[in-house]
C-alpha atoms as a PDB file:
ATOM      1  CA  CYS A   1     131.335  71.581  70.961  1.00  0.00           C
ATOM      2  CA  ARG A   2     130.398  68.186  69.563  1.00  0.00           C
ATOM      3  CA  VAL A   3     128.587  65.162  70.924  1.00  0.00           C
ATOM      4  CA  SER A   4     131.000  62.318  71.614  1.00  0.00           C
ATOM      5  CA  HIS A   5     130.318  58.604  71.501  1.00  0.00           C
ATOM      6  CA  ASP A   6     130.757  58.043  75.230  1.00  0.00           C
ATOM      7  CA  GLY A   7     127.046  57.831  75.939  1.00  0.00           C
ATOM      8  CA  PRO A   8     123.931  60.003  76.132  1.00  0.00           C
ATOM      9  CA  GLY A   9     124.673  63.590  77.016  1.00  0.00           C
ATOM     10  CA  ALA A  10     128.470  63.208  76.974  1.00  0.00           C
ATOM     11  CA  CYS A  11     130.230  65.891  74.986  1.00  0.00           C
ATOM     12  CA  SER A  12     133.605  67.462  74.382  1.00  0.00           C
ATOM     13  CA  PRO A  13     135.083  70.287  72.315  1.00  0.00           C
ATOM     14  CA  PRO A  14     136.790  69.373  69.021  1.00  0.00           C
ATOM     15  CA  GLY A  15     140.245  67.936  69.593  1.00  0.00           C
ATOM     16  CA  ALA A  16     139.717  67.427  73.332  1.00  0.00           C
ATOM     17  CA  ALA A  17     139.181  64.292  75.308  1.00  0.00           C
ATOM     18  CA  PRO A  18     135.530  63.404  75.726  1.00  0.00           C
ATOM     19  CA  GLY A  19     134.029  64.883  78.852  1.00  0.00           C
ATOM     20  CA  PRO A  20     130.742  64.328  80.655  1.00  0.00           C
ATOM     21  CA  SER A  21     127.771  66.650  80.760  1.00  0.00           C
ATOM     22  CA  PHE A  22     124.692  67.032  82.944  1.00  0.00           C
ATOM     23  CA  ARG A  23     122.427  67.749  79.975  1.00  0.00           C
ATOM     24  CA  ARG A  24     120.012  65.196  78.630  1.00  0.00           C
ATOM     25  CA  ASP A  25     119.396  66.777  75.226  1.00  0.00           C
ATOM     26  CA  GLY A  26     122.768  66.093  73.601  1.00  0.00           C
ATOM     27  CA  ARG A  27     123.913  69.712  73.944  1.00  0.00           C
ATOM     28  CA  CYS A  28     127.098  70.554  75.793  1.00  0.00           C
ATOM     29  CA  ALA A  29     127.198  72.352  79.099  1.00  0.00           C
ATOM     30  CA  LEU A  30     129.457  75.418  79.413  1.00  0.00           C
ATOM     31  CA  LEU A  31     131.512  73.704  82.121  1.00  0.00           C
ATOM     32  CA  PRO A  32     132.340  70.006  82.523  1.00  0.00           C
ATOM     33  CA  LEU A  33     129.907  68.620  85.050  1.00  0.00           C
ATOM     34  CA  ALA A  34     128.849  65.212  86.258  1.00  0.00           C
ATOM     35  CA  ARG A  35     127.655  62.251  84.269  1.00  0.00           C
ATOM     36  CA  GLU A  36     124.266  62.353  82.553  1.00  0.00           C
ATOM     37  CA  SER A  37     121.077  61.771  84.596  1.00  0.00           C
ATOM     38  CA  TYR A  38     120.101  63.336  87.899  1.00  0.00           C
ATOM     39  CA  ASP A  39     123.548  63.317  89.477  1.00  0.00           C
ATOM     40  CA  ALA A  40     124.357  66.006  92.043  1.00  0.00           C
ATOM     41  CA  ARG A  41     128.119  65.852  91.495  1.00  0.00           C
ATOM     42  CA  VAL A  42     129.176  69.038  89.775  1.00  0.00           C
ATOM     43  CA  SER A  43     132.666  70.259  88.988  1.00  0.00           C
ATOM     44  CA  PHE A  44     134.435  72.232  91.668  1.00  0.00           C
ATOM     45  CA  TYR A  45     134.423  75.357  89.499  1.00  0.00           C
ATOM     46  CA  ALA A  46     130.688  75.139  88.862  1.00  0.00           C
ATOM     47  CA  LEU A  47     130.022  74.533  92.559  1.00  0.00           C
ATOM     48  CA  ALA A  48     132.228  77.458  93.601  1.00  0.00           C
ATOM     49  CA  LEU A  49     130.541  79.739  91.078  1.00  0.00           C
ATOM     50  CA  LEU A  50     127.037  78.812  92.256  1.00  0.00           C
ATOM     51  CA  SER A  51     128.058  79.161  95.918  1.00  0.00           C
ATOM     52  CA  VAL A  52     129.527  82.642  95.496  1.00  0.00           C
ATOM     53  CA  ILE A  53     126.544  83.810  93.424  1.00  0.00           C
ATOM     54  CA  GLN A  54     124.158  82.455  96.059  1.00  0.00           C
ATOM     55  CA  GLY A  55     126.108  83.887  98.974  1.00  0.00           C
ATOM     56  CA  LEU A  56     126.377  87.367  97.498  1.00  0.00           C
ATOM     57  CA  ALA A  57     122.914  87.619  95.962  1.00  0.00           C
ATOM     58  CA  GLU A  58     120.919  85.875  98.716  1.00  0.00           C
ATOM     59  CA  LEU A  59     121.498  88.643 101.218  1.00  0.00           C
ATOM     60  CA  LEU A  60     121.116  91.470  98.725  1.00  0.00           C
ATOM     61  CA  PRO A  61     117.636  92.430  97.470  1.00  0.00           C
ATOM     62  CA  VAL A  62     118.333  91.116  93.965  1.00  0.00           C
ATOM     63  CA  SER A  63     117.040  87.501  94.229  1.00  0.00           C
ATOM     64  CA  SER A  64     119.782  84.962  94.674  1.00  0.00           C
ATOM     65  CA  SER A  65     117.613  82.159  93.323  1.00  0.00           C
ATOM     66  CA  ALA A  66     117.106  83.992  90.016  1.00  0.00           C
ATOM     67  CA  HIS A  67     120.858  84.444  89.630  1.00  0.00           C
ATOM     68  CA  VAL A  68     121.570  80.828  90.593  1.00  0.00           C
ATOM     69  CA  VAL A  69     118.888  79.471  88.242  1.00  0.00           C
ATOM     70  CA  VAL A  70     120.265  81.453  85.293  1.00  0.00           C
ATOM     71  CA  ALA A  71     123.799  80.300  86.154  1.00  0.00           C
ATOM     72  CA  GLU A  72     122.600  76.691  86.340  1.00  0.00           C
ATOM     73  CA  LYS A  73     120.927  77.065  82.956  1.00  0.00           C
ATOM     74  CA  LEU A  74     124.144  78.417  81.428  1.00  0.00           C
ATOM     75  CA  LEU A  75     126.050  75.527  82.999  1.00  0.00           C
ATOM     76  CA  GLY A  76     123.625  73.040  81.470  1.00  0.00           C
ATOM     77  CA  LEU A  77     122.018  72.017  84.759  1.00  0.00           C
ATOM     78  CA  ASP A  78     118.319  71.461  85.415  1.00  0.00           C
ATOM     79  CA  PRO A  79     117.309  73.932  88.180  1.00  0.00           C
ATOM     80  CA  SER A  80     114.029  72.117  88.835  1.00  0.00           C
ATOM     81  CA  SER A  81     115.607  68.694  89.458  1.00  0.00           C
ATOM     82  CA  PRO A  82     115.628  67.415  93.076  1.00  0.00           C
ATOM     83  CA  PRO A  83     119.459  67.459  93.375  1.00  0.00           C
ATOM     84  CA  MET A  84     119.684  71.040  92.155  1.00  0.00           C
ATOM     85  CA  THR A  85     116.884  72.335  94.369  1.00  0.00           C
ATOM     86  CA  PHE A  86     118.499  70.493  97.288  1.00  0.00           C
ATOM     87  CA  LEU A  87     121.879  72.060  96.464  1.00  0.00           C
ATOM     88  CA  LEU A  88     120.207  75.480  96.398  1.00  0.00           C
ATOM     89  CA  VAL A  89     118.725  74.796  99.830  1.00  0.00           C
ATOM     90  CA  MET A  90     122.175  73.860 101.162  1.00  0.00           C
ATOM     91  CA  LEU A  91     123.538  77.136  99.814  1.00  0.00           C
ATOM     92  CA  HIS A  92     120.641  78.936 101.513  1.00  0.00           C
ATOM     93  CA  THR A  93     121.635  77.204 104.750  1.00  0.00           C
ATOM     94  CA  GLY A  94     125.150  78.606 104.476  1.00  0.00           C
ATOM     95  CA  THR A  95     123.847  82.135 104.088  1.00  0.00           C
ATOM     96  CA  THR A  96     121.460  81.558 107.005  1.00  0.00           C
ATOM     97  CA  PHE A  97     124.422  80.874 109.281  1.00  0.00           C
ATOM     98  CA  ALA A  98     125.991  84.088 107.968  1.00  0.00           C
ATOM     99  CA  VAL A  99     122.787  85.968 108.877  1.00  0.00           C
ATOM    100  CA  ILE A 100     122.806  84.553 112.416  1.00  0.00           C
ATOM    101  CA  LEU A 101     126.444  85.490 112.972  1.00  0.00           C
ATOM    102  CA  TYR A 102     126.018  88.994 111.537  1.00  0.00           C
ATOM    103  CA  PHE A 103     122.721  89.958 113.165  1.00  0.00           C
ATOM    104  CA  TRP A 104     123.064  88.217 116.508  1.00  0.00           C
ATOM    105  CA  PRO A 105     124.476  91.292 118.362  1.00  0.00           C
ATOM    106  CA  ARG A 106     121.608  93.438 117.056  1.00  0.00           C
ATOM    107  CA  TRP A 107     118.964  90.820 117.835  1.00  0.00           C
ATOM    108  CA  LYS A 108     120.429  90.319 121.290  1.00  0.00           C
ATOM    109  CA  ALA A 109     120.085  94.041 122.009  1.00  0.00           C
ATOM    110  CA  ARG A 110     116.432  93.995 120.884  1.00  0.00           C
ATOM    111  CA  LEU A 111     115.714  90.941 123.058  1.00  0.00           C
ATOM    112  CA  SER A 112     117.472  92.275 126.155  1.00  0.00           C
ATOM    113  CA  ASP A 113     114.241  92.778 128.150  1.00  0.00           C
ATOM    114  CA  ALA A 114     111.096  90.695 128.633  1.00  0.00           C
ATOM    115  CA  ARG A 115     108.858  93.113 126.748  1.00  0.00           C
ATOM    116  CA  GLY A 116     111.181  93.124 123.758  1.00  0.00           C
ATOM    117  CA  ARG A 117     111.226  89.329 123.673  1.00  0.00           C
ATOM    118  CA  ARG A 118     107.419  89.125 123.841  1.00  0.00           C
ATOM    119  CA  GLU A 119     106.936  91.663 121.054  1.00  0.00           C
ATOM    120  CA  ALA A 120     109.563  90.016 118.856  1.00  0.00           C
ATOM    121  CA  ALA A 121     108.069  86.548 119.369  1.00  0.00           C
ATOM    122  CA  ARG A 122     104.557  87.852 118.631  1.00  0.00           C
ATOM    123  CA  ALA A 123     105.642  89.654 115.452  1.00  0.00           C
ATOM    124  CA  ALA A 124     107.622  86.636 114.229  1.00  0.00           C
ATOM    125  CA  ALA A 125     104.700  84.283 114.909  1.00  0.00           C
ATOM    126  CA  ILE A 126     102.221  86.530 113.084  1.00  0.00           C
ATOM    127  CA  ALA A 127     104.506  86.990 110.068  1.00  0.00           C
ATOM    128  CA  THR A 128     105.372  83.289 109.850  1.00  0.00           C
ATOM    129  CA  ALA A 129     101.688  82.306 110.033  1.00  0.00           C
ATOM    130  CA  ALA A 130     100.869  84.800 107.262  1.00  0.00           C
ATOM    131  CA  THR A 131     103.718  83.421 105.159  1.00  0.00           C
ATOM    132  CA  GLY A 132     102.441  79.881 105.638  1.00  0.00           C
ATOM    133  CA  VAL A 133      98.851  80.734 104.730  1.00  0.00           C
ATOM    134  CA  VAL A 134      99.767  82.722 101.619  1.00  0.00           C
ATOM    135  CA  GLY A 135     102.560  80.375 100.531  1.00  0.00           C
ATOM    136  CA  LEU A 136     100.515  77.189 100.891  1.00  0.00           C
ATOM    137  CA  ALA A 137      97.500  78.769  99.204  1.00  0.00           C
ATOM    138  CA  LEU A 138      99.632  79.861  96.259  1.00  0.00           C
ATOM    139  CA  LYS A 139     101.224  76.424  96.057  1.00  0.00           C
ATOM    140  CA  HIS A 140      97.809  74.757  95.942  1.00  0.00           C
ATOM    141  CA  VAL A 141      96.464  77.128  93.281  1.00  0.00           C
ATOM    142  CA  ILE A 142      99.567  76.865  91.089  1.00  0.00           C
ATOM    143  CA  GLU A 143      99.826  73.068  91.286  1.00  0.00           C
ATOM    144  CA  HIS A 144      96.096  72.297  90.962  1.00  0.00           C
ATOM    145  CA  VAL A 145      95.043  75.052  88.563  1.00  0.00           C
ATOM    146  CA  PHE A 146      97.937  76.345  86.467  1.00  0.00           C
ATOM    147  CA  LEU A 147      99.920  73.082  86.413  1.00  0.00           C
ATOM    148  CA  ARG A 148      96.920  70.787  86.259  1.00  0.00           C
ATOM    149  CA  GLY A 149      97.579  68.009  83.776  1.00  0.00           C
ATOM    150  CA  ALA A 150     101.311  68.772  83.562  1.00  0.00           C
ATOM    151  CA  ALA A 151     103.811  65.905  83.571  1.00  0.00           C
ATOM    152  CA  HIS A 152     105.332  67.155  86.826  1.00  0.00           C
ATOM    153  CA  GLN A 153     102.661  68.842  88.912  1.00  0.00           C
ATOM    154  CA  GLU A 154     105.075  70.456  91.371  1.00  0.00           C
ATOM    155  CA  ILE A 155     105.670  74.118  92.024  1.00  0.00           C
ATOM    156  CA  GLU A 156     109.404  73.507  91.543  1.00  0.00           C
ATOM    157  CA  THR A 157     108.794  73.188  87.802  1.00  0.00           C
ATOM    158  CA  LEU A 158     108.393  76.981  87.740  1.00  0.00           C
ATOM    159  CA  PHE A 159     111.905  77.490  89.093  1.00  0.00           C
ATOM    160  CA  SER A 160     113.522  77.075  85.676  1.00  0.00           C
ATOM    161  CA  ASN A 161     111.050  79.293  83.788  1.00  0.00           C
ATOM    162  CA  LEU A 162     113.246  82.207  82.690  1.00  0.00           C
ATOM    163  CA  PRO A 163     110.463  84.520  81.399  1.00  0.00           C
ATOM    164  CA  LEU A 164     108.665  84.119  84.734  1.00  0.00           C
ATOM    165  CA  ILE A 165     111.921  84.870  86.572  1.00  0.00           C
ATOM    166  CA  ALA A 166     112.361  88.008  84.459  1.00  0.00           C
ATOM    167  CA  ALA A 167     108.854  89.196  85.336  1.00  0.00           C
ATOM    168  CA  ALA A 168     109.452  88.544  89.033  1.00  0.00           C
ATOM    169  CA  LEU A 169     112.752  90.461  88.923  1.00  0.00           C
ATOM    170  CA  ALA A 170     110.997  93.399  87.304  1.00  0.00           C
ATOM    171  CA  ALA A 171     108.274  93.364  89.966  1.00  0.00           C
ATOM    172  CA  ALA A 172     110.881  93.261  92.740  1.00  0.00           C
ATOM    173  CA  GLY A 173     112.787  96.101  91.104  1.00  0.00           C
ATOM    174  CA  LEU A 174     109.726  98.335  90.899  1.00  0.00           C
ATOM    175  CA  LEU A 175     108.836  97.622  94.540  1.00  0.00           C
ATOM    176  CA  THR A 176     112.397  98.436  95.634  1.00  0.00           C
ATOM    177  CA  LEU A 177     112.402 101.690  93.636  1.00  0.00           C
ATOM    178  CA  TRP A 178     109.080 102.686  95.200  1.00  0.00           C
ATOM    179  CA  ALA A 179     110.375 102.032  98.714  1.00  0.00           C
ATOM    180  CA  GLY A 180     113.650 103.817  98.001  1.00  0.00           C
ATOM    181  CA  ALA A 181     111.818 106.937  96.869  1.00  0.00           C
ATOM    182  CA  ARG A 182     109.835 107.243 100.115  1.00  0.00           C
ATOM    183  CA  PRO A 183     111.135 109.240 103.111  1.00  0.00           C
ATOM    184  CA  ALA A 184     112.735 107.097 105.793  1.00  0.00           C
ATOM    185  CA  GLY A 185     110.504 106.083 108.693  1.00  0.00           C
ATOM    186  CA  ALA A 186     111.446 105.863 112.343  1.00  0.00           C
ATOM    187  CA  ARG A 187     108.946 103.601 114.106  1.00  0.00           C
ATOM    188  CA  GLU A 188     109.040  99.985 115.235  1.00  0.00           C
ATOM    189  CA  LEU A 189     106.739  97.442 113.604  1.00  0.00           C
ATOM    190  CA  ASP A 190     103.433  96.255 115.073  1.00  0.00           C
ATOM    191  CA  GLY A 191     101.210  93.237 114.498  1.00  0.00           C
ATOM    192  CA  ARG A 192      99.603  94.586 111.332  1.00  0.00           C
ATOM    193  CA  ASP A 193     103.018  95.346 109.862  1.00  0.00           C
ATOM    194  CA  ALA A 194     104.180  91.822 110.705  1.00  0.00           C
ATOM    195  CA  ALA A 195     101.131  90.264 109.036  1.00  0.00           C
ATOM    196  CA  LEU A 196     101.614  92.274 105.845  1.00  0.00           C
ATOM    197  CA  ILE A 197     105.353  91.567 105.691  1.00  0.00           C
ATOM    198  CA  GLY A 198     104.711  87.870 106.263  1.00  0.00           C
ATOM    199  CA  ALA A 199     102.077  87.800 103.507  1.00  0.00           C
ATOM    200  CA  VAL A 200     104.486  89.462 101.077  1.00  0.00           C
ATOM    201  CA  GLN A 201     107.126  86.894 102.020  1.00  0.00           C
ATOM    202  CA  GLY A 202     104.603  84.164 101.168  1.00  0.00           C
ATOM    203  CA  LEU A 203     104.101  85.729  97.732  1.00  0.00           C
ATOM    204  CA  CYS A 204     107.841  85.485  97.104  1.00  0.00           C
ATOM    205  CA  LEU A 205     108.153  81.745  97.768  1.00  0.00           C
ATOM    206  CA  PRO A 206     106.904  80.298  94.439  1.00  0.00           C
ATOM    207  CA  PHE A 207     108.594  82.885  92.220  1.00  0.00           C
ATOM    208  CA  ARG A 208     112.318  82.820  91.602  1.00  0.00           C
ATOM    209  CA  GLY A 209     113.294  86.442  90.970  1.00  0.00           C
ATOM    210  CA  PHE A 210     110.909  88.032  93.466  1.00  0.00           C
ATOM    211  CA  SER A 211     113.553  88.757  96.097  1.00  0.00           C
ATOM    212  CA  ARG A 212     112.402  87.773  99.583  1.00  0.00           C
ATOM    213  CA  SER A 213     114.692  90.212 101.392  1.00  0.00           C
ATOM    214  CA  GLY A 214     114.011  92.980  98.886  1.00  0.00           C
ATOM    215  CA  ALA A 215     110.239  92.560  99.096  1.00  0.00           C
ATOM    216  CA  THR A 216     110.027  92.286 102.884  1.00  0.00           C
ATOM    217  CA  ILE A 217     112.415  95.163 103.609  1.00  0.00           C
ATOM    218  CA  SER A 218     110.735  97.350 100.978  1.00  0.00           C
ATOM    219  CA  THR A 219     107.299  96.570 102.442  1.00  0.00           C
ATOM    220  CA  ALA A 220     108.545  97.540 105.895  1.00  0.00           C
ATOM    221  CA  LEU A 221     110.037 100.789 104.574  1.00  0.00           C
ATOM    222  CA  LEU A 222     106.763 101.651 102.829  1.00  0.00           C
ATOM    223  CA  ARG A 223     105.000 101.143 106.172  1.00  0.00           C
ATOM    224  CA  GLY A 224     107.255 103.765 107.766  1.00  0.00           C
ATOM    225  CA  ILE A 225     109.362 101.311 109.781  1.00  0.00           C
ATOM    226  CA  SER A 226     112.939 102.315 110.520  1.00  0.00           C
ATOM    227  CA  LYS A 227     115.664 100.915 108.278  1.00  0.00           C
ATOM    228  CA  SER A 228     117.396  98.982 111.044  1.00  0.00           C
ATOM    229  CA  ALA A 229     114.138  97.448 112.302  1.00  0.00           C
ATOM    230  CA  ALA A 230     113.120  96.503 108.750  1.00  0.00           C
ATOM    231  CA  GLU A 231     116.457  94.805 108.120  1.00  0.00           C
ATOM    232  CA  ASP A 232     116.523  93.007 111.476  1.00  0.00           C
ATOM    233  CA  PHE A 233     112.992  91.661 111.083  1.00  0.00           C
ATOM    234  CA  SER A 234     113.386  90.591 107.456  1.00  0.00           C
ATOM    235  CA  PHE A 235     116.439  88.460 108.183  1.00  0.00           C
ATOM    236  CA  ALA A 236     114.981  87.060 111.382  1.00  0.00           C
ATOM    237  CA  LEU A 237     112.126  85.741 109.238  1.00  0.00           C
ATOM    238  CA  ALA A 238     114.676  84.235 106.842  1.00  0.00           C
ATOM    239  CA  VAL A 239     116.233  82.241 109.691  1.00  0.00           C
ATOM    240  CA  ILE A 240     112.797  80.988 110.763  1.00  0.00           C
ATOM    241  CA  LEU A 241     111.881  80.037 107.189  1.00  0.00           C
ATOM    242  CA  THR A 242     115.024  78.054 106.338  1.00  0.00           C
ATOM    243  CA  PRO A 243     114.481  74.849 108.437  1.00  0.00           C
ATOM    244  CA  PRO A 244     111.041  73.978 106.942  1.00  0.00           C
ATOM    245  CA  VAL A 245     112.349  74.677 103.440  1.00  0.00           C
ATOM    246  CA  VAL A 246     115.326  72.373 104.049  1.00  0.00           C
ATOM    247  CA  ALA A 247     112.980  69.696 105.414  1.00  0.00           C
ATOM    248  CA  ARG A 248     110.676  70.007 102.371  1.00  0.00           C
ATOM    249  CA  GLU A 249     113.510  69.630  99.884  1.00  0.00           C
ATOM    250  CA  THR A 250     114.942  66.686 101.835  1.00  0.00           C
ATOM    251  CA  LEU A 251     111.564  64.936 101.679  1.00  0.00           C
ATOM    252  CA  ARG A 252     111.290  65.751  97.984  1.00  0.00           C
ATOM    253  CA  LEU A 253     114.719  64.219  97.417  1.00  0.00           C
ATOM    254  CA  LEU A 254     113.752  61.111  99.380  1.00  0.00           C
ATOM    255  CA  HIS A 255     110.599  60.793  97.297  1.00  0.00           C
ATOM    256  CA  ALA A 256     112.585  61.116  94.057  1.00  0.00           C
ATOM    257  CA  SER A 257     115.023  58.474  95.268  1.00  0.00           C
ATOM    258  CA  THR A 258     112.200  56.090  96.165  1.00  0.00           C
ATOM    259  CA  ALA A 259     110.600  56.663  92.774  1.00  0.00           C
ATOM    260  CA  GLY A 260     113.874  55.761  91.073  1.00  0.00           C
ATOM    261  CA  GLY A 261     114.706  59.239  89.821  1.00  0.00           C
ATOM    262  CA  ILE A 262     118.063  59.473  91.571  1.00  0.00           C
ATOM    263  CA  THR A 263     120.294  57.394  93.795  1.00  0.00           C
ATOM    264  CA  TRP A 264     121.918  58.277  97.073  1.00  0.00           C
ATOM    265  CA  ASN A 265     125.405  57.112  96.090  1.00  0.00           C
ATOM    266  CA  THR A 266     126.121  60.093  93.848  1.00  0.00           C
ATOM    267  CA  GLY A 267     127.921  62.320  96.333  1.00  0.00           C
ATOM    268  CA  LEU A 268     124.928  64.530  96.964  1.00  0.00           C
ATOM    269  CA  PHE A 269     125.894  65.896 100.370  1.00  0.00           C
ATOM    270  CA  ALA A 270     129.608  66.580  99.859  1.00  0.00           C
ATOM    271  CA  PRO A 271     128.997  69.272  97.185  1.00  0.00           C
ATOM    272  CA  GLY A 272     126.188  70.678  99.314  1.00  0.00           C
ATOM    273  CA  LEU A 273     128.390  70.990 102.401  1.00  0.00           C
ATOM    274  CA  ALA A 274     131.235  72.552 100.414  1.00  0.00           C
ATOM    275  CA  GLY A 275     128.831  75.000  98.810  1.00  0.00           C
ATOM    276  CA  MET A 276     127.344  75.827 102.194  1.00  0.00           C
ATOM    277  CA  VAL A 277     130.760  76.900 103.517  1.00  0.00           C
ATOM    278  CA  LEU A 278     131.525  79.016 100.461  1.00  0.00           C
ATOM    279  CA  SER A 279     128.119  80.700 100.520  1.00  0.00           C
ATOM    280  CA  PHE A 280     128.582  81.442 104.245  1.00  0.00           C
ATOM    281  CA  PHE A 281     131.655  83.611 103.657  1.00  0.00           C
ATOM    282  CA  ALA A 282     130.178  85.260 100.557  1.00  0.00           C
ATOM    283  CA  GLY A 283     127.046  86.004 102.586  1.00  0.00           C
ATOM    284  CA  LEU A 284     128.985  87.826 105.291  1.00  0.00           C
ATOM    285  CA  ALA A 285     130.485  90.124 102.660  1.00  0.00           C
ATOM    286  CA  ALA A 286     127.063  90.757 101.112  1.00  0.00           C
ATOM    287  CA  LEU A 287     125.493  91.688 104.467  1.00  0.00           C
ATOM    288  CA  ARG A 288     128.030  94.437 105.057  1.00  0.00           C
ATOM    289  CA  TRP A 289     127.281  95.772 101.581  1.00  0.00           C
ATOM    290  CA  LEU A 290     123.505  95.697 102.088  1.00  0.00           C
ATOM    291  CA  SER A 291     123.605  97.427 105.479  1.00  0.00           C
ATOM    292  CA  SER A 292     125.865 100.143 104.118  1.00  0.00           C
ATOM    293  CA  TRP A 293     123.630 100.905 101.128  1.00  0.00           C
ATOM    294  CA  LEU A 294     120.404 100.705 103.127  1.00  0.00           C
ATOM    295  CA  GLU A 295     121.610 103.120 105.788  1.00  0.00           C
ATOM    296  CA  SER A 296     123.163 105.517 103.255  1.00  0.00           C
ATOM    297  CA  GLY A 297     119.962 105.908 101.224  1.00  0.00           C
ATOM    298  CA  ARG A 298     121.061 103.897  98.185  1.00  0.00           C
ATOM    299  CA  TRP A 299     118.329 101.260  98.505  1.00  0.00           C
ATOM    300  CA  ARG A 300     116.774 102.230  95.152  1.00  0.00           C
ATOM    301  CA  TRP A 301     119.994 101.265  93.347  1.00  0.00           C
ATOM    302  CA  PHE A 302     119.113  97.631  93.971  1.00  0.00           C
ATOM    303  CA  GLY A 303     115.815  98.290  92.188  1.00  0.00           C
ATOM    304  CA  TRP A 304     117.568  99.571  89.081  1.00  0.00           C
ATOM    305  CA  TYR A 305     119.779  96.501  89.162  1.00  0.00           C
ATOM    306  CA  CYS A 306     116.751  94.177  89.312  1.00  0.00           C
ATOM    307  CA  LEU A 307     115.219  95.869  86.268  1.00  0.00           C
ATOM    308  CA  ALA A 308     118.490  95.492  84.350  1.00  0.00           C
ATOM    309  CA  ALA A 309     118.777  91.868  85.466  1.00  0.00           C
ATOM    310  CA  SER A 310     115.223  91.254  84.253  1.00  0.00           C
ATOM    311  CA  GLY A 311     116.217  92.349  80.761  1.00  0.00           C
ATOM    312  CA  ALA A 312     119.362  90.206  80.903  1.00  0.00           C
ATOM    313  CA  VAL A 313     117.323  87.143  81.878  1.00  0.00           C
ATOM    314  CA  LEU A 314     115.001  87.686  78.915  1.00  0.00           C
ATOM    315  CA  VAL A 315     118.046  87.809  76.630  1.00  0.00           C
ATOM    316  CA  ALA A 316     119.362  84.608  78.197  1.00  0.00           C
ATOM    317  CA  ALA A 317     115.957  82.971  77.741  1.00  0.00           C
ATOM    318  CA  SER A 318     115.967  83.784  74.030  1.00  0.00           C
ATOM    319  CA  ARG A 319     119.485  82.362  73.616  1.00  0.00           C
ATOM    320  CA  LEU A 320     118.779  79.183  75.592  1.00  0.00           C
ATOM    321  CA  HIS A 321     115.387  78.526  73.956  1.00  0.00           C
END
């Protein structure tokens, strides 16, 4: 691959017509993408690849964001840029709709009586509050302590850090293996369980690779909660969490646009909507897979996968350095 003379970041293979690239360092992306600078238009093949990866991995305990970030790196994209984080949120939205469609019959059965609705609302409120407290506290510490003095003092700058992603994948894998080795429980969750699960979910937010579904379901299993209740509650929390995350990334995108980082005439929403549809269907397939493995006692297999993925990410980090 050689740098062409069509402008900064443009590149093409020898003998081929010059093609554009998303990269700003003169190196060529693995797939032809949009023009240089923060442009959200990606090729259809790149968008389809990211959507399927997100849809499959989001609803499995293997960290979709880690897989998507590595894929974006290999494609020459900047995972921490506002358009890319917004695209990831749109893909998350697609899988959220898949969760609602898949779990609605089970949730409806749990909410069939007044007592069930009260208990579910109380547990969801406790867990969401714990997530907010832990997540916001972590965000403050990371941005004002660890990123103090950095050029971009935003937690999103961590999203493209491959060694950190590898460490988070390893941590998620060990937690999943621990939960998979414990005997299955049979009880429903209470307020203390909800608070702990919510706090663990808050720990997952800043770290790509620390699977939200894997960590919350594993925490519930370690508390002796039944597999079905753990799965139902974990994905109910995911549905609650998605709207504020979408709102945050939308505001971040608006701020970047106002600051002159990007423009709104770059086709930002069309790729996001297309990716959302693709991730929706991939998510439905992943949910059937997860439920089957969870109920059949193969939960720990996801842990082994996370450990292997951690090693693969470290290899990718060394090659992309």
